[in-house]
C-alpha atoms as a PDB file:
ATOM      1  CA  MET A   1     -57.319  44.099 -61.287  1.00  0.00           C
ATOM      2  CA  THR A   2     -55.132  45.839 -58.102  1.00  0.00           C
ATOM      3  CA  GLU A   3     -51.463  45.682 -58.645  1.00  0.00           C
ATOM      4  CA  ASN A   4     -48.304  46.574 -55.616  1.00  0.00           C
ATOM      5  CA  ARG A   5     -48.012  50.189 -56.509  1.00  0.00           C
ATOM      6  CA  LEU A   6     -47.286  53.036 -53.995  1.00  0.00           C
ATOM      7  CA  ASN A   7     -47.768  56.242 -55.598  1.00  0.00           C
ATOM      8  CA  TRP A   8     -46.466  58.054 -52.721  1.00  0.00           C
ATOM      9  CA  LYS A   9     -45.484  61.909 -54.100  1.00  0.00           C
ATOM     10  CA  TRP A  10     -44.371  63.702 -50.939  1.00  0.00           C
ATOM     11  CA  GLY A  11     -44.897  64.460 -47.540  1.00  0.00           C
ATOM     12  CA  ASP A  12     -44.287  62.331 -43.834  1.00  0.00           C
ATOM     13  CA  THR A  13     -45.911  58.917 -44.157  1.00  0.00           C
ATOM     14  CA  SER A  14     -45.806  58.466 -40.384  1.00  0.00           C
ATOM     15  CA  PRO A  15     -45.863  54.518 -40.894  1.00  0.00           C
ATOM     16  CA  ILE A  16     -47.049  51.914 -38.299  1.00  0.00           C
ATOM     17  CA  ALA A  17     -46.587  47.980 -38.117  1.00  0.00           C
ATOM     18  CA  VAL A  18     -50.247  46.616 -38.383  1.00  0.00           C
ATOM     19  CA  THR A  19     -51.316  42.837 -38.453  1.00  0.00           C
ATOM     20  CA  PRO A  20     -53.403  41.832 -41.608  1.00  0.00           C
ATOM     21  CA  ALA A  21     -56.077  39.598 -40.537  1.00  0.00           C
ATOM     22  CA  PRO A  22     -55.513  35.865 -41.699  1.00  0.00           C
ATOM     23  CA  GLY A  23     -57.694  35.608 -45.047  1.00  0.00           C
ATOM     24  CA  ALA A  24     -56.980  39.296 -46.222  1.00  0.00           C
ATOM     25  CA  ARG A  25     -54.847  40.267 -49.458  1.00  0.00           C
ATOM     26  CA  ILE A  26     -53.439  43.367 -49.459  1.00  0.00           C
ATOM     27  CA  HIS A  27     -51.544  44.986 -52.165  1.00  0.00           C
ATOM     28  CA  ILE A  28     -49.156  47.880 -51.970  1.00  0.00           C
ATOM     29  CA  GLY A  29     -50.827  51.225 -52.359  1.00  0.00           C
ATOM     30  CA  ASP A  30     -54.367  49.456 -50.853  1.00  0.00           C
ATOM     31  CA  LEU A  31     -56.146  51.837 -48.856  1.00  0.00           C
ATOM     32  CA  LEU A  32     -56.844  50.291 -45.581  1.00  0.00           C
ATOM     33  CA  TRP A  33     -59.371  49.999 -42.792  1.00  0.00           C
ATOM     34  CA  LEU A  34     -59.147  48.602 -39.294  1.00  0.00           C
ATOM     35  CA  ASP A  35     -61.656  45.766 -38.088  1.00  0.00           C
ATOM     36  CA  GLU A  36     -62.862  45.576 -33.995  1.00  0.00           C
ATOM     37  CA  THR A  37     -60.094  42.992 -33.485  1.00  0.00           C
ATOM     38  CA  GLY A  38     -57.021  45.478 -34.444  1.00  0.00           C
ATOM     39  CA  LYS A  39     -56.274  43.829 -38.176  1.00  0.00           C
ATOM     40  CA  CYS A  40     -56.441  45.370 -41.244  1.00  0.00           C
ATOM     41  CA  TRP A  41     -58.175  44.717 -44.402  1.00  0.00           C
ATOM     42  CA  PRO A  42     -58.137  46.520 -48.244  1.00  0.00           C
ATOM     43  CA  ALA A  43     -61.298  48.974 -49.236  1.00  0.00           C
ATOM     44  CA  SER A  44     -62.397  46.081 -51.123  1.00  0.00           C
ATOM     45  CA  GLU A  45     -63.413  43.565 -47.927  1.00  0.00           C
ATOM     46  CA  TYR A  46     -65.183  46.551 -46.204  1.00  0.00           C
ATOM     47  CA  PRO A  47     -68.878  45.154 -45.340  1.00  0.00           C
ATOM     48  CA  ARG A  48     -71.048  46.560 -47.812  1.00  0.00           C
ATOM     49  CA  GLU A  49     -74.351  48.768 -46.541  1.00  0.00           C
ATOM     50  CA  GLU A  50     -75.965  51.662 -48.161  1.00  0.00           C
ATOM     51  CA  THR A  51     -73.863  53.665 -50.283  1.00  0.00           C
ATOM     52  CA  ALA A  52     -73.166  56.705 -48.284  1.00  0.00           C
ATOM     53  CA  ASP A  53     -73.089  54.000 -45.336  1.00  0.00           C
ATOM     54  CA  THR A  54     -70.650  52.216 -46.282  1.00  0.00           C
ATOM     55  CA  ARG A  55     -68.264  55.300 -47.169  1.00  0.00           C
ATOM     56  CA  ARG A  56     -68.652  56.604 -43.809  1.00  0.00           C
ATOM     57  CA  GLY A  57     -68.074  53.528 -42.292  1.00  0.00           C
ATOM     58  CA  PHE A  58     -64.967  53.523 -44.104  1.00  0.00           C
ATOM     59  CA  ALA A  59     -63.736  56.300 -43.711  1.00  0.00           C
ATOM     60  CA  ARG A  60     -64.173  55.771 -39.724  1.00  0.00           C
ATOM     61  CA  ARG A  61     -62.308  53.144 -39.730  1.00  0.00           C
ATOM     62  CA  PHE A  62     -59.722  54.247 -42.577  1.00  0.00           C
ATOM     63  CA  ILE A  63     -56.028  53.315 -40.655  1.00  0.00           C
ATOM     64  CA  GLY A  64     -53.718  54.463 -44.677  1.00  0.00           C
ATOM     65  CA  VAL A  65     -51.759  53.022 -47.334  1.00  0.00           C
ATOM     66  CA  ALA A  66     -50.211  49.808 -47.176  1.00  0.00           C
ATOM     67  CA  MET A  67     -46.413  50.462 -48.028  1.00  0.00           C
ATOM     68  CA  GLN A  68     -46.011  46.534 -48.148  1.00  0.00           C
ATOM     69  CA  GLU A  69     -47.999  43.375 -49.561  1.00  0.00           C
ATOM     70  CA  SER A  70     -49.505  40.760 -47.655  1.00  0.00           C
ATOM     71  CA  LYS A  71     -50.414  37.414 -48.966  1.00  0.00           C
ATOM     72  CA  ALA A  72     -53.706  35.891 -47.798  1.00  0.00           C
ATOM     73  CA  GLY A  73     -52.885  33.777 -44.275  1.00  0.00           C
ATOM     74  CA  ARG A  74     -50.219  35.816 -43.895  1.00  0.00           C
ATOM     75  CA  VAL A  75     -50.215  37.498 -40.214  1.00  0.00           C
ATOM     76  CA  ASN A  76     -46.581  39.218 -39.750  1.00  0.00           C
ATOM     77  CA  PRO A  77     -47.328  42.659 -39.755  1.00  0.00           C
ATOM     78  CA  ILE A  78     -46.718  45.408 -42.437  1.00  0.00           C
ATOM     79  CA  ARG A  79     -45.928  49.044 -42.397  1.00  0.00           C
ATOM     80  CA  VAL A  80     -49.292  51.072 -43.083  1.00  0.00           C
ATOM     81  CA  ALA A  81     -48.736  55.048 -44.049  1.00  0.00           C
ATOM     82  CA  THR A  82     -51.155  57.208 -41.879  1.00  0.00           C
ATOM     83  CA  ALA A  83     -50.425  59.983 -43.145  1.00  0.00           C
ATOM     84  CA  GLY A  84     -48.900  61.446 -46.519  1.00  0.00           C
ATOM     85  CA  THR A  85     -49.825  62.634 -50.191  1.00  0.00           C
ATOM     86  CA  PHE A  86     -50.534  59.871 -52.332  1.00  0.00           C
ATOM     87  CA  GLU A  87     -51.169  59.011 -56.158  1.00  0.00           C
ATOM     88  CA  PHE A  88     -54.240  57.191 -56.621  1.00  0.00           C
ATOM     89  CA  SER A  89     -56.593  56.468 -59.945  1.00  0.00           C
ATOM     90  CA  LEU A  90     -59.597  58.741 -60.420  1.00  0.00           C
ATOM     91  CA  GLU A  91     -63.493  57.750 -61.157  1.00  0.00           C
ATOM     92  CA  GLY A  92     -66.378  59.884 -61.294  1.00  0.00           C
ATOM     93  CA  VAL A  93     -64.967  62.868 -62.205  1.00  0.00           C
ATOM     94  CA  THR A  94     -66.833  66.097 -64.693  1.00  0.00           C
ATOM     95  CA  ALA A  95     -65.564  69.286 -64.044  1.00  0.00           C
ATOM     96  CA  PRO A  96     -61.779  69.987 -63.182  1.00  0.00           C
ATOM     97  CA  LEU A  97     -61.049  68.905 -59.619  1.00  0.00           C
ATOM     98  CA  ILE A  98     -59.876  71.661 -57.435  1.00  0.00           C
ATOM     99  CA  LEU A  99     -57.407  72.044 -54.359  1.00  0.00           C
ATOM    100  CA  GLY A 100     -58.783  71.483 -51.353  1.00  0.00           C
ATOM    101  CA  MET A 101     -61.684  68.611 -52.729  1.00  0.00           C
ATOM    102  CA  HIS A 102     -62.752  65.814 -50.181  1.00  0.00           C
ATOM    103  CA  VAL A 103     -62.246  62.101 -51.941  1.00  0.00           C
ATOM    104  CA  ALA A 104     -63.486  59.220 -50.930  1.00  0.00           C
ATOM    105  CA  PRO A 105     -63.314  56.040 -52.098  1.00  0.00           C
ATOM    106  CA  ALA A 106     -64.731  54.793 -55.242  1.00  0.00           C
ATOM    107  CA  PHE A 107     -67.327  51.796 -56.016  1.00  0.00           C
ATOM    108  CA  GLN A 108     -66.795  48.496 -57.709  1.00  0.00           C
ATOM    109  CA  GLY A 109     -68.384  48.757 -61.685  1.00  0.00           C
ATOM    110  CA  THR A 110     -69.068  52.414 -61.511  1.00  0.00           C
ATOM    111  CA  GLY A 111     -67.526  55.869 -62.514  1.00  0.00           C
ATOM    112  CA  LEU A 112     -70.171  57.733 -60.885  1.00  0.00           C
ATOM    113  CA  SER A 113     -69.453  60.133 -58.248  1.00  0.00           C
ATOM    114  CA  SER A 114     -70.956  59.351 -54.872  1.00  0.00           C
ATOM    115  CA  SER A 115     -73.584  62.333 -55.231  1.00  0.00           C
ATOM    116  CA  VAL A 116     -74.717  60.537 -58.235  1.00  0.00           C
ATOM    117  CA  LYS A 117     -74.393  56.962 -56.731  1.00  0.00           C
ATOM    118  CA  LYS A 118     -76.084  58.176 -53.887  1.00  0.00           C
ATOM    119  CA  LYS A 119     -79.430  59.068 -56.144  1.00  0.00           C
ATOM    120  CA  LYS A 120     -79.298  56.233 -57.837  1.00  0.00           C
ATOM    121  CA  THR A 121     -78.843  53.850 -55.424  1.00  0.00           C
ATOM    122  CA  GLN A 122     -81.616  55.358 -52.774  1.00  0.00           C
ATOM    123  CA  GLY A 123     -83.207  52.453 -51.615  1.00  0.00           C
ATOM    124  CA  ALA A 124     -81.851  50.082 -54.181  1.00  0.00           C
ATOM    125  CA  GLY A 125     -80.168  48.177 -50.862  1.00  0.00           C
ATOM    126  CA  LEU A 126     -76.457  47.209 -50.518  1.00  0.00           C
ATOM    127  CA  SER A 127     -73.440  49.310 -51.873  1.00  0.00           C
ATOM    128  CA  PRO A 128     -70.845  47.638 -54.711  1.00  0.00           C
ATOM    129  CA  PRO A 129     -67.618  46.941 -52.895  1.00  0.00           C
ATOM    130  CA  LEU A 130     -65.137  49.515 -52.439  1.00  0.00           C
ATOM    131  CA  LYS A 131     -61.924  49.655 -54.718  1.00  0.00           C
ATOM    132  CA  PRO A 132     -58.993  49.619 -53.117  1.00  0.00           C
ATOM    133  CA  GLN A 133     -56.597  52.157 -55.356  1.00  0.00           C
ATOM    134  CA  THR A 134     -59.372  54.268 -56.767  1.00  0.00           C
ATOM    135  CA  VAL A 135     -60.728  58.232 -55.219  1.00  0.00           C
ATOM    136  CA  THR A 136     -63.935  59.725 -56.560  1.00  0.00           C
ATOM    137  CA  PRO A 137     -65.163  63.207 -55.044  1.00  0.00           C
ATOM    138  CA  THR A 138     -67.687  63.194 -52.206  1.00  0.00           C
ATOM    139  CA  ASP A 139     -69.642  66.538 -51.286  1.00  0.00           C
ATOM    140  CA  GLU A 140     -70.137  64.569 -47.982  1.00  0.00           C
ATOM    141  CA  LYS A 141     -67.114  65.329 -45.431  1.00  0.00           C
ATOM    142  CA  ASP A 142     -67.877  62.120 -43.203  1.00  0.00           C
ATOM    143  CA  THR A 143     -67.158  59.719 -46.067  1.00  0.00           C
ATOM    144  CA  ALA A 144     -63.948  61.438 -47.123  1.00  0.00           C
ATOM    145  CA  ILE A 145     -60.417  60.026 -46.681  1.00  0.00           C
ATOM    146  CA  GLY A 146     -58.140  62.894 -47.722  1.00  0.00           C
ATOM    147  CA  TRP A 147     -58.516  65.890 -50.014  1.00  0.00           C
ATOM    148  CA  VAL A 148     -57.119  67.179 -53.398  1.00  0.00           C
ATOM    149  CA  ALA A 149     -53.452  67.884 -52.490  1.00  0.00           C
ATOM    150  CA  HIS A 150     -51.908  69.127 -56.302  1.00  0.00           C
ATOM    151  CA  THR A 151     -54.043  69.816 -59.252  1.00  0.00           C
ATOM    152  CA  GLU A 152     -50.860  71.022 -62.215  1.00  0.00           C
ATOM    153  CA  ASP A 153     -49.476  68.488 -64.342  1.00  0.00           C
ATOM    154  CA  VAL A 154     -51.364  65.418 -63.177  1.00  0.00           C
ATOM    155  CA  LYS A 155     -52.371  62.650 -65.139  1.00  0.00           C
ATOM    156  CA  ASP A 156     -55.559  62.133 -66.486  1.00  0.00           C
ATOM    157  CA  GLY A 157     -57.631  59.670 -64.429  1.00  0.00           C
ATOM    158  CA  LYS A 158     -55.169  60.101 -61.768  1.00  0.00           C
ATOM    159  CA  ALA A 159     -55.266  62.436 -58.523  1.00  0.00           C
ATOM    160  CA  VAL A 160     -52.834  63.435 -55.975  1.00  0.00           C
ATOM    161  CA  ILE A 161     -54.564  63.142 -52.158  1.00  0.00           C
ATOM    162  CA  ARG A 162     -53.690  63.808 -48.723  1.00  0.00           C
ATOM    163  CA  VAL A 163     -54.757  61.530 -46.596  1.00  0.00           C
ATOM    164  CA  ILE A 164     -54.457  61.253 -43.022  1.00  0.00           C
ATOM    165  CA  SER A 165     -55.365  58.105 -40.962  1.00  0.00           C
ATOM    166  CA  SER A 166     -58.843  58.678 -39.117  1.00  0.00           C
ATOM    167  CA  LEU A 167     -57.688  56.158 -36.397  1.00  0.00           C
ATOM    168  CA  LEU A 168     -55.137  58.243 -34.996  1.00  0.00           C
ATOM    169  CA  GLY A 169     -56.973  61.271 -34.309  1.00  0.00           C
ATOM    170  CA  ARG A 170     -59.937  62.723 -36.611  1.00  0.00           C
ATOM    171  CA  TRP A 171     -58.948  65.479 -38.273  1.00  0.00           C
ATOM    172  CA  ASP A 172     -61.103  68.579 -39.632  1.00  0.00           C
ATOM    173  CA  LEU A 173     -61.460  68.236 -43.386  1.00  0.00           C
END
């Protein structure tokens, strides 16, 4: 279950105001993407494609981290952090995180990293939906939404990640 939890750690968040899509239910701390009409949605509502394509498409449309909640049907703009360092839940880790390691949104119903998940689902159709507040390591740079920014004294099952919106200027990870 998603909860309202903005785990901002440090850094300029470069907030912007974005209007949620009318049917979008957005929690504080959700990873957001921008649709072709300029409205934002949580990661869990990103259209499902083949596994790597889902993450790749999401990374291209990643706008940032929700700083305000929006209930479905609300159309008032919310603040979205387009940059900054945040703590997220972490899945699919079998070895210690390394500073600078790329991360992508995790898939719902899995604990597998992107490379393992890709091998298990090749030719199996659509990916599961993305989780709105959980990341996993990825070795595919074009699926990444950020990178590990801190590794000391981080709780088990968590990752401290530096994110930058890809829509406000694609950055080299």
